Structures are given as C-alpha cells and as structure tokens.
Amino acid sequence: MALQEEKQAQPFTDIFDEDEAERSFLLSKPSCLIIFGKPGSGKKRLARKLAQRWQCIFIEASEVIQTNILQETEYGLKCQELLCKGQSISEELVTEMIFQKIESPEVAHFGYVLTGFPSLSEECMTVPQQIEKIMNLKLKPDVLINIKCPDYDLCQRISGQRQHPDSGEIYQRSEWDPNVTEKHKKKKDQDEEEDEEEDEGEEEEGGEEETAEDPRKKLESFHQLVQRPEDFLENAEKRIGTYKDIMLHPLEELMSEQDCRYLIEVDGNQQPDRLFEVNKLCTKLTSTRKEFLNSGELLRALSSCRLIAPRYRWRRSRWGQTCPVALKEGDIVKGNPEFAVSFLGKMYVLSSREALEKFMLNPRPYLLPPMPLPPCKVLVFGPPFSGRTTICNLIAHKYTGKV
C-alpha cells in the first residue's frame, strides 16, 4: 500500500522547485577564467572581450593600477606617489592589488577573467609560487585558456605595432601600413562581389563608402605613430625567449594536471572576435523615472520594461516594493522606481543609489539565507516604574534586537 501511495503521489510532486534553484544558483561559484600566452599574443584583448561578453570582472596589472589611482585608494595613492617620483611600481604592490581585486565583493558574484599573471618578473615570487597561489585561491580559475602562436608570426606582429604618442593607443600593422590595408581591402572586395545579392547591394555599397572615408582621416594621425623600444624585433625575440625559459615549463605542468574539458587552446593568429561565440548573462538593469501611487501600479509598469521575450514579464520578488538591502540591515524602507533592478527573472526595488550599487556589486548576501525578512518592531508602554526598561531589555536579549 505504501508503494502504491508513493507512485500515486509522485506525478503530482514539483521536481522543479524555483526557490531551491535560485538558492543553489546564489550558493554556486561564479565563472572564473585565466588566460595564458606568449608576450604579444593578444591575451589582454581577448580577456577584455570575454569580460564584456560574460559580464565578468577584467583583472590585469595595468588595469588594476589605473582603477586604484582613479578611485584614490590606499594602493592608488602609493602608486601615484611612486610614479610622481619617477620610480616604478614594485611587483609586490601589484600582486597585492591583484589579489585584493580577486577578493572583492563584485568578483565574488560576477567572477573574473585574469590575464598577465603569473608574470615574468620574479622579484616577489617565482613563477611556480605564483601558480600555486592562484590555484589555492577561494575562487580559483575554472577554465584555463592558452593562446598558441608560432614565434615567427608573433615577432612579426610585435615588431609591426605602433603607438600614438598622445592617446597611447596601439595600432597593428594591418591598421597603419597602406600596403597591407590595400591587400585586405582587395580581398574583402572580391569576397563581397562573389557573395553579393541584388537586394542588399545598395546597402553594402553605402557601407563601403563610409568605411573608405575613415582610413583617410586616420592617415594623418598615423604619420605620428612611433615604435616602442620593447616592440623592436630583437627585444621581442628576447621577451619570447625569456617566456619559454621561465614560464613555459611550469605552465605545461599546470595544464597537464587540468581537466581537458576545462582547458581551451586557441590559435593566436585569429581575431579575438572569432575565438568564442558566447552569450551575455541574463542580469538586466531596468529603471524608470515615473512616480506611481501604489505598489501594484509600480510593479505592473516595471514588469513590462525591457522584456526578456514576448509575452514574458518580470515577476515581483517576495518582498514587493521593499528594499532588500534595507531589510538585511534590519529596517523597512520602500524602494524608489528609479532604482529598480531585475535579477533571475524577478524585480527588486532599491531605496537609494548606495543600496543599488551594493546590490549590483553582489546581490547574494541580500538574497541568501538567513533570508531578509521584515523585522519585528515592538512598542512597550505603561505608567512610570512599571518595568518597561526591564521588559525591553529582556525582549531584545531574547530575539537579538535593539532597544
């Protein structure tokens, strides 16, 4: 009889528990990637592209230094002081800033794409020690990406780089050399003529005219390009040789121990756009500046803003118009429509810009158990010397509240 009752009850059980799925996602580890490759193989460009596509945090030495200086943090002030004195930033300081960024709350939610580490400089730690520190992180990398490129092609690419002295932007040979650009244009024109269709012919011709004007405007600025000392052919060969002597063997040992399902090797001669086709994470920000009288009208209007798909509306969270950040801090505050954000298909209305920034950096602390529930507020009143203070202290001690 018991088996029959179980068989009858099983078809009516909900195996797709939405709350359990949301809780498992909030407890899950974010995606973390690390990119290796020889100097000049395009690690930084590919890492930036992946971080934009996957909405991860891009972590790289120069990027971390620049953000700390702009935010005027303690590390940023130290870097600025050293640079004003004409001194270089020590490798130890750069390493501390990188690991501080990895342990930040936004990385704990969005994950990271790390490149440029381990570094060739062994002032602070050797390459095996740097690799060991990476693999012992709480958020250690899940996927290793290795960019492979022949030494000859890499040296030709590095020696063909030029930098604009004013903007600091780096241009490849295919962008500033007129002989190379003309060859690329001829190939594109031949491919377009072969695959051209009658209906789309006019639009493609208009696009070609617009793109033809841009290189002419850029030619004037290309005359000002200079070659950096590290981009000389001899220096490029030395950098690649140093990489092969110091870095290659420890990285090969690391990749041999990595699960082949999470080890990706790509061709460095391809463009970064063609290496991966990935989709963005479904965390969308919705905002509106209208004022609404009641919460029902507010949530009804927000649910139709920036829909995921036709006939699909964002649903309200279990706290409705109440701010989850304020609830976590033990207060009940109604949210402002200007600071509405959607996450995992549900709407959360934040109360202020600061609460929105906290929630956007890492929403997990405000949604994980112990769930932020409306706090209980008790008012104790009575005649003088009736024991109001004593009762208030006992209630606060019992339920960990504040008097």
Protein backbone atom coordinates (compact mmCIF):
# COMPACT_ATOMS: atom_id res chain seq x y z
CA MET A 1 0.00 0.00 0.00
CA ALA A 2 2.81 2.38 0.84
CA LEU A 3 4.43 1.80 -2.57
CA GLN A 4 1.14 2.47 -4.33
CA GLU A 5 0.68 5.72 -2.41
CA GLU A 6 4.22 6.82 -3.36
CA LYS A 7 3.58 6.01 -7.03
CA GLN A 8 0.34 7.99 -6.95
CA ALA A 9 1.92 10.97 -5.18
CA GLN A 10 4.99 11.13 -7.40
CA PRO A 11 3.32 12.55 -10.58
CA PHE A 12 1.95 15.46 -8.56
CA THR A 13 5.28 16.47 -6.99
CA ASP A 14 7.05 19.51 -8.37
CA ILE A 15 10.58 18.45 -9.27
CA PHE A 16 11.42 21.97 -10.50
CA ASP A 17 11.46 23.94 -7.25
CA GLU A 18 12.10 27.55 -8.21
CA ASP A 19 13.22 28.65 -4.75
CA GLU A 20 15.63 25.74 -4.47
CA ALA A 21 17.04 26.50 -7.93
CA GLU A 22 17.53 30.17 -7.04
CA ARG A 23 19.20 29.24 -3.75
CA SER A 24 21.55 26.79 -5.49
CA PHE A 25 22.49 29.48 -8.01
CA LEU A 26 23.22 32.02 -5.28
CA LEU A 27 25.39 29.46 -3.49
CA SER A 28 27.21 28.46 -6.67
CA LYS A 29 30.69 29.61 -7.57
CA PRO A 30 30.91 32.30 -10.29
CA SER A 31 32.75 31.61 -13.52
CA CYS A 32 36.48 32.32 -13.26
CA LEU A 33 38.85 32.22 -16.22
CA ILE A 34 42.57 32.73 -16.64
CA ILE A 35 44.34 33.33 -19.94
CA PHE A 36 47.95 32.36 -20.69
CA GLY A 37 50.08 33.06 -23.72
CA LYS A 38 53.35 34.42 -25.00
CA PRO A 39 54.05 38.18 -24.88
CA GLY A 40 52.08 39.98 -27.58
CA SER A 41 49.76 37.03 -28.31
CA GLY A 42 46.62 39.10 -27.58
CA LYS A 43 45.86 37.94 -24.02
CA LYS A 44 44.67 41.35 -22.84
CA ARG A 45 42.44 41.98 -25.84
CA LEU A 46 40.84 38.53 -25.61
CA ALA A 47 40.38 38.82 -21.83
CA ARG A 48 38.69 42.21 -22.18
CA LYS A 49 36.38 40.82 -24.85
CA LEU A 50 35.43 37.80 -22.72
CA ALA A 51 34.82 40.01 -19.68
CA GLN A 52 32.48 42.21 -21.72
CA ARG A 53 30.58 39.27 -23.18
CA TRP A 54 30.25 37.29 -19.93
CA GLN A 55 29.93 40.38 -17.69
CA CYS A 56 32.87 39.25 -15.59
CA ILE A 57 35.43 41.48 -13.89
CA PHE A 58 38.50 42.07 -16.04
CA ILE A 59 41.67 41.81 -13.93
CA GLU A 60 45.05 42.80 -15.34
CA ALA A 61 48.04 44.57 -13.78
CA SER A 62 47.82 47.90 -15.64
CA GLU A 63 44.02 47.93 -15.36
CA VAL A 64 44.15 47.35 -11.60
CA ILE A 65 46.76 50.08 -11.13
CA GLN A 66 44.70 52.56 -13.15
CA THR A 67 41.45 51.86 -11.26
CA ASN A 68 43.18 52.19 -7.87
CA ILE A 69 44.68 55.53 -8.89
CA LEU A 70 41.33 56.84 -10.19
CA GLN A 71 39.49 55.69 -7.04
CA GLU A 72 42.26 57.17 -4.84
CA THR A 73 42.54 54.07 -2.69
CA GLU A 74 45.44 53.42 -0.33
CA TYR A 75 47.24 51.42 -3.00
CA GLY A 76 46.40 54.05 -5.60
CA LEU A 77 47.96 56.83 -3.55
CA LYS A 78 51.12 54.74 -3.12
CA CYS A 79 51.31 54.12 -6.86
CA GLN A 80 50.74 57.78 -7.63
CA GLU A 81 53.47 58.79 -5.20
CA LEU A 82 55.96 56.37 -6.77
CA LEU A 83 55.10 57.48 -10.30
CA CYS A 84 55.45 61.17 -9.39
CA LYS A 85 58.94 60.42 -8.07
CA GLY A 86 59.82 58.70 -11.34
CA GLN A 87 60.03 55.26 -9.73
CA SER A 88 58.47 52.04 -10.96
CA ILE A 89 55.73 50.23 -9.06
CA SER A 90 57.08 47.16 -7.30
CA GLU A 91 55.89 43.70 -8.27
CA GLU A 92 54.86 43.02 -4.67
CA LEU A 93 52.49 46.01 -4.66
CA VAL A 94 50.98 44.98 -7.99
CA THR A 95 50.42 41.43 -6.72
CA GLU A 96 48.68 42.71 -3.58
CA MET A 97 46.34 44.87 -5.68
CA ILE A 98 45.50 41.94 -7.99
CA PHE A 99 44.60 39.61 -5.12
CA GLN A 100 42.65 42.37 -3.35
CA LYS A 101 40.58 42.72 -6.53
CA ILE A 102 40.02 38.95 -6.71
CA GLU A 103 38.71 39.00 -3.11
CA SER A 104 36.36 41.96 -3.73
CA PRO A 105 32.56 41.53 -3.41
CA GLU A 106 31.83 42.19 -7.10
CA VAL A 107 34.22 39.39 -8.13
CA ALA A 108 32.53 37.05 -5.63
CA HIS A 109 29.32 37.46 -7.66
CA PHE A 110 30.35 38.13 -11.27
CA GLY A 111 33.59 36.14 -11.40
CA TYR A 112 36.75 37.28 -13.15
CA VAL A 113 38.91 36.98 -16.25
CA LEU A 114 42.55 37.15 -15.18
CA THR A 115 45.49 37.69 -17.53
CA GLY A 116 49.10 38.78 -17.19
CA PHE A 117 49.56 36.66 -14.08
CA PRO A 118 51.81 34.84 -13.34
CA SER A 119 54.27 37.45 -14.52
CA LEU A 120 57.76 37.04 -15.91
CA SER A 121 59.17 39.21 -13.14
CA GLU A 122 60.26 37.12 -10.17
CA GLU A 123 61.02 39.96 -7.74
CA CYS A 124 58.31 38.96 -5.27
CA MET A 125 57.63 35.28 -6.06
CA THR A 126 58.87 32.70 -8.52
CA VAL A 127 56.59 31.50 -11.31
CA PRO A 128 55.74 28.18 -9.55
CA GLN A 129 54.90 30.11 -6.37
CA GLN A 130 52.62 32.45 -8.32
CA ILE A 131 50.84 29.49 -9.94
CA GLU A 132 50.46 27.79 -6.55
CA LYS A 133 48.93 30.93 -5.07
CA ILE A 134 46.44 31.18 -7.94
CA MET A 135 45.34 27.55 -7.61
CA ASN A 136 44.92 27.90 -3.82
CA LEU A 137 42.51 30.82 -4.10
CA LYS A 138 38.98 30.53 -2.78
CA LEU A 139 37.81 31.49 -6.27
CA LYS A 140 40.37 29.55 -8.24
CA PRO A 141 40.06 29.59 -12.04
CA ASP A 142 37.66 27.07 -13.55
CA VAL A 143 38.79 27.38 -17.18
CA LEU A 144 42.35 27.76 -18.46
CA ILE A 145 42.75 29.35 -21.89
CA ASN A 146 46.09 29.03 -23.65
CA ILE A 147 46.79 31.16 -26.73
CA LYS A 148 49.23 29.39 -29.06
CA CYS A 149 51.10 31.27 -31.75
CA PRO A 150 54.33 30.50 -33.68
CA ASP A 151 57.37 32.52 -32.65
CA TYR A 152 57.95 33.93 -36.15
CA ASP A 153 54.36 35.20 -36.54
CA LEU A 154 54.44 36.64 -33.04
CA CYS A 155 57.69 38.51 -33.60
CA GLN A 156 56.37 39.94 -36.87
CA ARG A 157 53.19 41.08 -35.13
CA ILE A 158 55.04 42.70 -32.21
CA SER A 159 57.56 44.46 -34.45
CA GLY A 160 54.68 45.82 -36.53
CA GLN A 161 52.97 47.53 -33.60
CA ARG A 162 52.97 51.32 -33.41
CA GLN A 163 51.78 53.63 -30.64
CA HIS A 164 50.17 57.05 -30.86
CA PRO A 165 52.16 59.40 -28.59
CA ASP A 166 49.15 61.48 -27.48
CA SER A 167 46.45 58.88 -26.88
CA GLY A 168 48.70 55.91 -26.13
CA GLU A 169 46.59 53.68 -28.39
CA ILE A 170 48.43 50.82 -30.09
CA TYR A 171 47.83 50.03 -33.78
CA GLN A 172 48.67 46.83 -35.63
CA ARG A 173 50.46 46.77 -38.99
CA SER A 174 47.18 45.99 -40.77
CA GLU A 175 45.80 49.31 -39.47
CA TRP A 176 48.59 51.76 -40.30
CA ASP A 177 50.59 50.18 -43.17
CA PRO A 178 48.94 51.26 -46.51
CA ASN A 179 50.34 48.26 -48.41
CA VAL A 180 48.77 45.78 -46.01
CA THR A 181 45.47 47.65 -45.76
CA GLU A 182 45.11 47.74 -49.57
CA LYS A 183 45.61 43.96 -49.75
CA HIS A 184 42.92 43.42 -47.10
CA LYS A 185 40.55 45.73 -48.98
CA LYS A 186 41.06 43.87 -52.25
CA LYS A 187 40.32 40.54 -50.60
CA LYS A 188 37.18 41.93 -48.98
CA ASP A 189 36.00 43.44 -52.27
CA GLN A 190 36.47 40.13 -54.08
CA ASP A 191 34.57 38.20 -51.41
CA GLU A 192 31.74 40.74 -51.43
CA GLU A 193 31.45 40.65 -55.23
CA GLU A 194 31.17 36.86 -55.20
CA ASP A 195 28.56 36.73 -52.41
CA GLU A 196 26.72 39.93 -53.30
CA GLU A 197 22.95 39.77 -53.61
CA GLU A 198 20.75 42.08 -55.64
CA ASP A 199 18.60 43.28 -52.72
CA GLU A 200 21.50 44.03 -50.36
CA GLY A 201 23.83 45.52 -52.97
CA GLU A 202 22.90 49.16 -52.35
CA GLU A 203 23.26 48.88 -48.56
CA GLU A 204 26.69 47.24 -48.82
CA GLU A 205 27.92 49.92 -51.23
CA GLY A 206 26.81 52.66 -48.84
CA GLY A 207 28.67 50.96 -46.01
CA GLU A 208 31.82 50.73 -48.12
CA GLU A 209 31.76 54.47 -48.83
CA GLU A 210 31.55 55.27 -45.13
CA THR A 211 34.40 52.92 -44.21
CA ALA A 212 36.52 54.27 -47.07
CA GLU A 213 36.44 57.76 -45.57
CA ASP A 214 37.61 56.71 -42.13
CA PRO A 215 41.10 55.46 -43.14
CA ARG A 216 41.80 58.72 -45.00
CA LYS A 217 41.03 60.69 -41.88
CA LYS A 218 43.23 58.39 -39.83
CA LEU A 219 46.19 58.55 -42.22
CA GLU A 220 47.15 61.99 -40.89
CA SER A 221 47.35 60.68 -37.33
CA PHE A 222 49.18 57.52 -38.48
CA HIS A 223 52.18 59.65 -39.52
CA GLN A 224 52.69 60.47 -35.84
CA LEU A 225 52.92 56.83 -34.74
CA VAL A 226 56.11 55.71 -33.04
CA GLN A 227 57.63 52.32 -32.29
CA ARG A 228 58.20 51.46 -28.65
CA PRO A 229 61.61 50.02 -27.63
CA GLU A 230 60.02 46.75 -26.45
CA ASP A 231 58.48 46.31 -29.91
CA PHE A 232 61.83 46.18 -31.71
CA LEU A 233 62.39 42.80 -33.33
CA GLU A 234 65.45 41.99 -31.20
CA ASN A 235 63.67 42.86 -27.94
CA ALA A 236 60.58 40.89 -28.98
CA GLU A 237 62.71 37.80 -29.60
CA LYS A 238 64.33 38.22 -26.17
CA ARG A 239 60.94 38.52 -24.42
CA ILE A 240 59.65 35.40 -26.12
CA GLY A 241 62.85 33.53 -25.26
CA THR A 242 62.57 34.59 -21.60
CA TYR A 243 58.96 33.40 -21.55
CA LYS A 244 59.95 29.99 -22.91
CA ASP A 245 62.79 29.64 -20.40
CA ILE A 246 60.93 30.78 -17.25
CA MET A 247 57.20 30.40 -17.81
CA LEU A 248 56.57 27.64 -20.32
CA HIS A 249 57.57 24.58 -18.27
CA PRO A 250 55.54 25.46 -15.10
CA LEU A 251 52.51 26.30 -17.25
CA GLU A 252 52.77 23.00 -19.13
CA GLU A 253 52.76 21.14 -15.80
CA LEU A 254 49.70 23.11 -14.69
CA MET A 255 47.83 22.41 -17.93
CA SER A 256 48.74 18.71 -17.82
CA GLU A 257 47.02 18.44 -14.41
CA GLN A 258 43.94 20.37 -15.60
CA ASP A 259 40.82 18.54 -16.72
CA CYS A 260 40.82 18.54 -20.52
CA ARG A 261 37.16 19.66 -20.54
CA TYR A 262 38.19 22.96 -18.91
CA LEU A 263 41.37 23.55 -20.89
CA ILE A 264 40.97 25.54 -24.11
CA GLU A 265 43.78 26.11 -26.58
CA VAL A 266 43.18 28.68 -29.32
CA ASP A 267 45.03 29.91 -32.38
CA GLY A 268 46.63 33.27 -31.69
CA ASN A 269 46.58 34.23 -35.37
CA GLN A 270 42.79 34.54 -35.33
CA GLN A 271 40.91 37.65 -34.34
CA PRO A 272 39.59 37.77 -30.72
CA ASP A 273 36.02 38.21 -32.02
CA ARG A 274 36.15 34.86 -33.82
CA LEU A 275 37.64 32.82 -30.98
CA PHE A 276 34.48 32.43 -28.94
CA GLU A 277 30.77 32.95 -29.51
CA VAL A 278 29.29 33.44 -26.07
CA ASN A 279 26.07 34.86 -24.68
CA LYS A 280 25.67 37.50 -22.03
CA LEU A 281 24.48 36.65 -18.56
CA CYS A 282 20.83 37.49 -18.01
CA THR A 283 21.27 40.23 -15.41
CA LYS A 284 19.47 43.26 -16.76
CA LEU A 285 19.01 46.62 -15.21
CA THR A 286 15.61 48.23 -15.55
CA SER A 287 14.83 51.72 -14.45
CA THR A 288 12.03 54.20 -14.88
CA ARG A 289 11.52 57.75 -13.70
CA LYS A 290 7.74 57.71 -13.37
CA GLU A 291 6.09 58.11 -9.98
CA PHE A 292 3.33 55.71 -9.01
CA LEU A 293 0.75 55.92 -6.28
CA ASN A 294 0.63 52.29 -5.18
CA SER A 295 2.93 49.29 -5.36
CA GLY A 296 0.60 47.36 -7.68
CA GLU A 297 0.77 50.00 -10.38
CA LEU A 298 4.52 50.36 -9.87
CA LEU A 299 5.26 46.65 -10.27
CA ARG A 300 2.84 46.40 -13.20
CA ALA A 301 4.73 49.13 -15.06
CA LEU A 302 8.19 47.79 -14.20
CA SER A 303 7.28 44.26 -15.26
CA SER A 304 6.73 45.43 -18.84
CA CYS A 305 10.08 47.26 -19.07
CA ARG A 306 12.80 45.65 -21.23
CA LEU A 307 11.15 42.27 -21.61
CA ILE A 308 13.29 39.15 -21.98
CA ALA A 309 10.95 37.67 -24.57
CA PRO A 310 7.50 38.44 -25.99
CA ARG A 311 4.67 37.77 -23.54
CA TYR A 312 7.17 37.39 -20.70
CA ARG A 313 7.12 39.86 -17.83
CA TRP A 314 9.45 40.30 -14.91
CA ARG A 315 7.85 38.95 -11.74
CA ARG A 316 7.85 40.65 -8.38
CA SER A 317 10.12 39.32 -5.67
CA ARG A 318 8.80 38.08 -2.36
CA TRP A 319 9.48 41.50 -0.82
CA GLY A 320 7.50 43.50 -3.37
CA GLN A 321 8.40 47.18 -3.20
CA THR A 322 10.51 46.84 -0.03
CA CYS A 323 14.26 47.33 -0.39
CA PRO A 324 16.16 44.05 0.26
CA VAL A 325 19.35 45.89 1.25
CA ALA A 326 17.49 47.82 3.94
CA LEU A 327 15.82 44.59 5.14
CA LYS A 328 19.21 42.96 5.54
CA GLU A 329 20.27 45.90 7.70
CA GLY A 330 17.14 45.50 9.85
CA ASP A 331 14.97 48.31 8.54
CA ILE A 332 11.83 48.55 6.40
CA VAL A 333 12.22 51.08 3.58
CA LYS A 334 10.12 51.33 0.43
CA GLY A 335 12.01 51.24 -2.83
CA ASN A 336 12.30 54.01 -5.40
CA PRO A 337 11.22 53.27 -9.00
CA GLU A 338 14.41 54.96 -10.26
CA PHE A 339 16.48 52.21 -8.61
CA ALA A 340 14.67 49.13 -9.87
CA VAL A 341 16.76 46.16 -10.96
CA SER A 342 15.79 42.74 -12.32
CA PHE A 343 17.74 39.63 -11.39
CA LEU A 344 16.93 35.99 -12.19
CA GLY A 345 13.56 36.98 -13.65
CA LYS A 346 12.42 38.91 -10.56
CA MET A 347 12.23 42.61 -9.76
CA TYR A 348 13.91 44.24 -6.79
CA VAL A 349 13.19 47.88 -5.98
CA LEU A 350 16.07 49.52 -4.11
CA SER A 351 15.70 52.56 -1.90
CA SER A 352 18.76 54.64 -2.81
CA ARG A 353 21.72 54.89 -5.15
CA GLU A 354 24.02 53.43 -2.47
CA ALA A 355 21.70 50.44 -1.97
CA LEU A 356 21.57 49.92 -5.74
CA GLU A 357 25.37 49.94 -6.00
CA LYS A 358 25.67 47.43 -3.14
CA PHE A 359 23.06 45.16 -4.73
CA MET A 360 24.62 45.39 -8.20
CA LEU A 361 28.11 44.60 -6.90
CA ASN A 362 26.96 41.39 -5.22
CA PRO A 363 23.26 40.57 -4.64
CA ARG A 364 23.99 37.23 -2.99
CA PRO A 365 24.34 38.44 0.64
CA TYR A 366 20.92 40.12 0.42
CA LEU A 367 19.14 37.07 -1.02
CA LEU A 368 20.78 34.09 0.69
CA PRO A 369 19.51 32.68 3.99
CA PRO A 370 19.01 33.86 6.60
CA MET A 371 16.55 35.48 4.26
CA PRO A 372 15.94 39.19 4.84
CA LEU A 373 12.51 39.20 6.46
CA PRO A 374 10.67 42.28 7.75
CA PRO A 375 11.94 42.84 11.32
CA CYS A 376 9.50 42.75 14.20
CA LYS A 377 9.11 46.10 15.95
CA VAL A 378 7.62 46.11 19.44
CA LEU A 379 6.41 49.16 21.36
CA VAL A 380 6.30 48.77 25.17
CA PHE A 381 4.41 51.45 27.09
CA GLY A 382 2.99 51.80 30.60
CA PRO A 383 2.99 54.00 33.70
CA PRO A 384 6.26 55.13 35.30
CA PHE A 385 8.22 52.48 37.27
CA SER A 386 6.18 49.67 35.72
CA GLY A 387 9.23 47.80 34.37
CA ARG A 388 9.22 48.99 30.77
CA THR A 389 13.02 49.17 30.54
CA THR A 390 13.48 45.71 32.03
CA ILE A 391 10.95 44.13 29.66
CA CYS A 392 12.51 45.89 26.66
CA ASN A 393 15.98 44.61 27.58
CA LEU A 394 14.69 41.05 28.06
CA ILE A 395 12.87 41.05 24.71
CA ALA A 396 15.92 42.49 22.92
CA HIS A 397 18.19 39.87 24.53
CA LYS A 398 15.79 37.04 23.63
CA TYR A 399 15.31 38.00 19.98
CA THR A 400 18.71 39.75 19.37
CA GLY A 401 17.05 43.09 18.80
CA LYS A 402 17.91 46.68 19.60
CA VAL A 403 16.30 48.83 22.29
